[in-house]
């Protein structure tokens, strides 16, 4: 699985870090610990990033889902 953040160019470096970790399912506390930030800073950065508008796309190979066999129909 791969996560793609569309519109990331609108975000600051720190906002990208926070968004990536949050979208991976980490709590504000976990993100704060990893990035050595306060919990309130994480919340502020995440809120600011959301107002700038980004889109998260999860890329999952078909083989992982068991829907493609690698053979062409035909």
N, C-alpha and C. Protein backbone atom coordinates (compact mmCIF):
# COMPACT_ATOMS: atom_id res chain seq x y z
N UNK A 1 0.84 -1.18 0.00
CA UNK A 1 0.00 0.00 0.00
C UNK A 1 0.88 1.24 0.00
N UNK A 2 0.43 2.22 -0.71
CA UNK A 2 1.17 3.47 -0.83
C UNK A 2 0.19 4.62 -0.62
N UNK A 3 0.61 5.64 0.12
CA UNK A 3 -0.23 6.80 0.34
C UNK A 3 0.32 7.95 -0.47
N UNK A 4 -0.55 8.60 -1.22
CA UNK A 4 -0.18 9.77 -2.02
C UNK A 4 -0.97 10.96 -1.50
N UNK A 5 -0.29 12.06 -1.26
CA UNK A 5 -0.96 13.28 -0.82
C UNK A 5 -0.96 14.26 -1.98
N UNK A 6 -2.12 14.46 -2.56
CA UNK A 6 -2.26 15.40 -3.66
C UNK A 6 -2.48 16.79 -3.09
N UNK A 7 -1.78 17.75 -3.64
CA UNK A 7 -1.86 19.11 -3.14
C UNK A 7 -0.83 19.37 -2.05
N UNK A 8 0.12 18.45 -1.89
CA UNK A 8 1.14 18.59 -0.85
C UNK A 8 2.01 19.81 -1.06
N UNK A 9 2.10 20.27 -2.30
CA UNK A 9 2.93 21.45 -2.59
C UNK A 9 2.39 22.70 -1.90
N UNK A 10 1.13 22.66 -1.49
CA UNK A 10 0.52 23.79 -0.77
C UNK A 10 0.92 23.80 0.70
N UNK A 11 1.45 22.69 1.18
CA UNK A 11 1.73 22.53 2.60
C UNK A 11 3.19 22.82 2.92
N UNK A 12 3.43 23.32 4.13
CA UNK A 12 4.80 23.49 4.59
C UNK A 12 5.39 22.10 4.87
N UNK A 13 6.69 22.05 5.04
CA UNK A 13 7.37 20.79 5.33
C UNK A 13 6.79 20.14 6.59
N UNK A 14 6.63 20.93 7.65
CA UNK A 14 6.12 20.42 8.91
C UNK A 14 4.67 19.94 8.77
N UNK A 15 3.87 20.69 8.01
CA UNK A 15 2.49 20.27 7.76
C UNK A 15 2.46 18.93 7.02
N UNK A 16 3.36 18.75 6.06
CA UNK A 16 3.44 17.47 5.33
C UNK A 16 3.75 16.33 6.27
N UNK A 17 4.70 16.57 7.18
CA UNK A 17 5.05 15.53 8.14
C UNK A 17 3.84 15.14 8.99
N UNK A 18 3.16 16.14 9.52
CA UNK A 18 2.01 15.90 10.39
C UNK A 18 0.90 15.19 9.62
N UNK A 19 0.58 15.69 8.43
CA UNK A 19 -0.49 15.09 7.63
C UNK A 19 -0.17 13.63 7.32
N UNK A 20 1.05 13.35 6.92
CA UNK A 20 1.43 11.98 6.58
C UNK A 20 1.23 11.05 7.77
N UNK A 21 1.72 11.45 8.92
CA UNK A 21 1.59 10.60 10.10
C UNK A 21 0.13 10.47 10.55
N UNK A 22 -0.61 11.57 10.51
CA UNK A 22 -2.03 11.52 10.90
C UNK A 22 -2.83 10.63 9.95
N UNK A 23 -2.57 10.74 8.65
CA UNK A 23 -3.29 9.94 7.66
C UNK A 23 -2.90 8.47 7.73
N UNK A 24 -1.77 8.18 8.36
CA UNK A 24 -1.37 6.80 8.59
C UNK A 24 -2.04 6.24 9.84
N UNK A 25 -2.81 7.08 10.52
CA UNK A 25 -3.57 6.60 11.66
C UNK A 25 -3.00 6.93 13.03
N UNK A 26 -1.92 7.68 13.09
CA UNK A 26 -1.33 8.02 14.37
C UNK A 26 -2.15 9.10 15.08
N UNK A 27 -2.17 9.05 16.39
CA UNK A 27 -2.86 10.05 17.19
C UNK A 27 -2.00 11.32 17.28
N UNK A 28 -2.60 12.40 17.74
CA UNK A 28 -1.84 13.64 17.94
C UNK A 28 -0.68 13.41 18.91
N UNK A 29 -0.91 12.60 19.92
CA UNK A 29 0.13 12.32 20.91
C UNK A 29 1.30 11.57 20.27
N UNK A 30 0.98 10.59 19.43
CA UNK A 30 2.05 9.82 18.76
C UNK A 30 2.83 10.69 17.78
N UNK A 31 2.11 11.53 17.04
CA UNK A 31 2.77 12.43 16.08
C UNK A 31 3.68 13.39 16.84
N UNK A 32 3.17 13.96 17.93
CA UNK A 32 3.95 14.90 18.74
C UNK A 32 5.23 14.25 19.24
N UNK A 33 5.12 13.04 19.71
CA UNK A 33 6.29 12.32 20.22
C UNK A 33 7.31 12.07 19.11
N UNK A 34 6.84 11.64 17.95
CA UNK A 34 7.75 11.34 16.83
C UNK A 34 8.47 12.58 16.31
N UNK A 35 7.73 13.69 16.26
CA UNK A 35 8.30 14.91 15.67
C UNK A 35 8.85 15.88 16.72
N UNK A 36 8.80 15.47 17.98
CA UNK A 36 9.28 16.30 19.08
C UNK A 36 8.57 17.66 19.09
N UNK A 37 7.25 17.61 19.01
CA UNK A 37 6.41 18.80 19.04
C UNK A 37 5.43 18.67 20.19
N UNK A 38 4.79 19.78 20.54
CA UNK A 38 3.70 19.71 21.52
C UNK A 38 2.45 19.20 20.82
N UNK A 39 1.56 18.64 21.60
CA UNK A 39 0.30 18.13 21.05
C UNK A 39 -0.49 19.27 20.41
N UNK A 40 -0.47 20.44 21.03
CA UNK A 40 -1.20 21.58 20.47
C UNK A 40 -0.60 22.03 19.14
N UNK A 41 0.71 21.93 19.00
CA UNK A 41 1.35 22.27 17.71
C UNK A 41 0.91 21.31 16.62
N UNK A 42 0.82 20.04 16.96
CA UNK A 42 0.36 19.03 15.99
C UNK A 42 -1.06 19.36 15.55
N UNK A 43 -1.92 19.66 16.50
CA UNK A 43 -3.32 19.98 16.19
C UNK A 43 -3.40 21.22 15.30
N UNK A 44 -2.60 22.23 15.62
CA UNK A 44 -2.60 23.47 14.83
C UNK A 44 -2.10 23.21 13.41
N UNK A 45 -1.00 22.47 13.27
CA UNK A 45 -0.45 22.17 11.96
C UNK A 45 -1.43 21.35 11.12
N UNK A 46 -2.08 20.39 11.74
CA UNK A 46 -3.04 19.55 11.03
C UNK A 46 -4.24 20.38 10.57
N UNK A 47 -4.75 21.22 11.46
CA UNK A 47 -5.88 22.08 11.11
C UNK A 47 -5.50 23.03 9.97
N UNK A 48 -4.34 23.63 10.07
CA UNK A 48 -3.87 24.56 9.03
C UNK A 48 -3.74 23.84 7.68
N UNK A 49 -3.21 22.64 7.70
CA UNK A 49 -3.05 21.85 6.47
C UNK A 49 -4.41 21.53 5.85
N UNK A 50 -5.36 21.19 6.69
CA UNK A 50 -6.71 20.85 6.18
C UNK A 50 -7.36 22.05 5.52
N UNK A 51 -7.13 23.25 6.04
CA UNK A 51 -7.73 24.44 5.45
C UNK A 51 -7.10 24.78 4.10
N UNK A 52 -5.88 24.29 3.87
CA UNK A 52 -5.20 24.54 2.59
C UNK A 52 -5.69 23.60 1.49
N UNK A 53 -6.36 22.56 1.89
CA UNK A 53 -6.93 21.63 0.92
C UNK A 53 -5.91 20.69 0.31
N UNK A 54 -5.93 19.48 0.75
CA UNK A 54 -5.12 18.42 0.16
C UNK A 54 -6.02 17.20 0.04
N UNK A 55 -5.56 16.23 -0.69
CA UNK A 55 -6.35 15.02 -0.91
C UNK A 55 -5.45 13.81 -0.70
N UNK A 56 -5.92 12.87 0.06
CA UNK A 56 -5.16 11.65 0.31
C UNK A 56 -5.68 10.55 -0.59
N UNK A 57 -4.77 9.92 -1.31
CA UNK A 57 -5.11 8.82 -2.20
C UNK A 57 -4.31 7.61 -1.75
N UNK A 58 -4.99 6.50 -1.55
CA UNK A 58 -4.31 5.26 -1.19
C UNK A 58 -4.19 4.41 -2.44
N UNK A 59 -2.97 4.05 -2.77
CA UNK A 59 -2.70 3.23 -3.96
C UNK A 59 -2.46 1.80 -3.49
N UNK A 60 -3.34 0.91 -3.92
CA UNK A 60 -3.24 -0.50 -3.53
C UNK A 60 -3.13 -1.32 -4.81
N UNK A 61 -2.03 -2.05 -4.97
CA UNK A 61 -1.90 -2.90 -6.17
C UNK A 61 -3.02 -3.94 -6.22
N UNK A 62 -3.54 -4.19 -7.41
CA UNK A 62 -4.62 -5.15 -7.60
C UNK A 62 -4.27 -6.54 -7.11
N UNK A 63 -3.01 -6.91 -7.24
CA UNK A 63 -2.59 -8.23 -6.80
C UNK A 63 -2.81 -8.40 -5.30
N UNK A 64 -2.64 -7.32 -4.56
CA UNK A 64 -2.83 -7.36 -3.11
C UNK A 64 -4.28 -7.67 -2.76
N UNK A 65 -5.18 -7.18 -3.58
CA UNK A 65 -6.60 -7.39 -3.34
C UNK A 65 -7.09 -8.72 -3.91
N UNK A 66 -6.24 -9.38 -4.68
CA UNK A 66 -6.63 -10.66 -5.27
C UNK A 66 -7.61 -10.52 -6.42
N UNK A 67 -7.62 -9.36 -7.09
CA UNK A 67 -8.57 -9.18 -8.19
C UNK A 67 -7.90 -9.26 -9.57
N UNK A 68 -6.58 -9.28 -9.59
CA UNK A 68 -5.86 -9.43 -10.86
C UNK A 68 -4.94 -10.63 -10.74
N UNK A 69 -4.94 -11.45 -11.80
CA UNK A 69 -4.09 -12.62 -11.78
C UNK A 69 -2.81 -12.42 -12.56
N UNK A 70 -2.74 -11.28 -13.26
CA UNK A 70 -1.57 -11.02 -14.09
C UNK A 70 -1.75 -11.51 -15.51
N UNK A 71 -2.85 -12.22 -15.79
CA UNK A 71 -3.12 -12.72 -17.13
C UNK A 71 -4.14 -11.83 -17.82
N UNK A 72 -3.96 -11.64 -19.09
CA UNK A 72 -4.89 -10.82 -19.88
C UNK A 72 -6.10 -11.67 -20.24
N UNK A 73 -7.28 -11.07 -20.18
CA UNK A 73 -8.48 -11.77 -20.65
C UNK A 73 -8.50 -11.76 -22.17
N UNK A 74 -8.97 -12.84 -22.74
CA UNK A 74 -9.08 -12.71 -24.07
C UNK A 74 -9.17 -13.42 -25.20
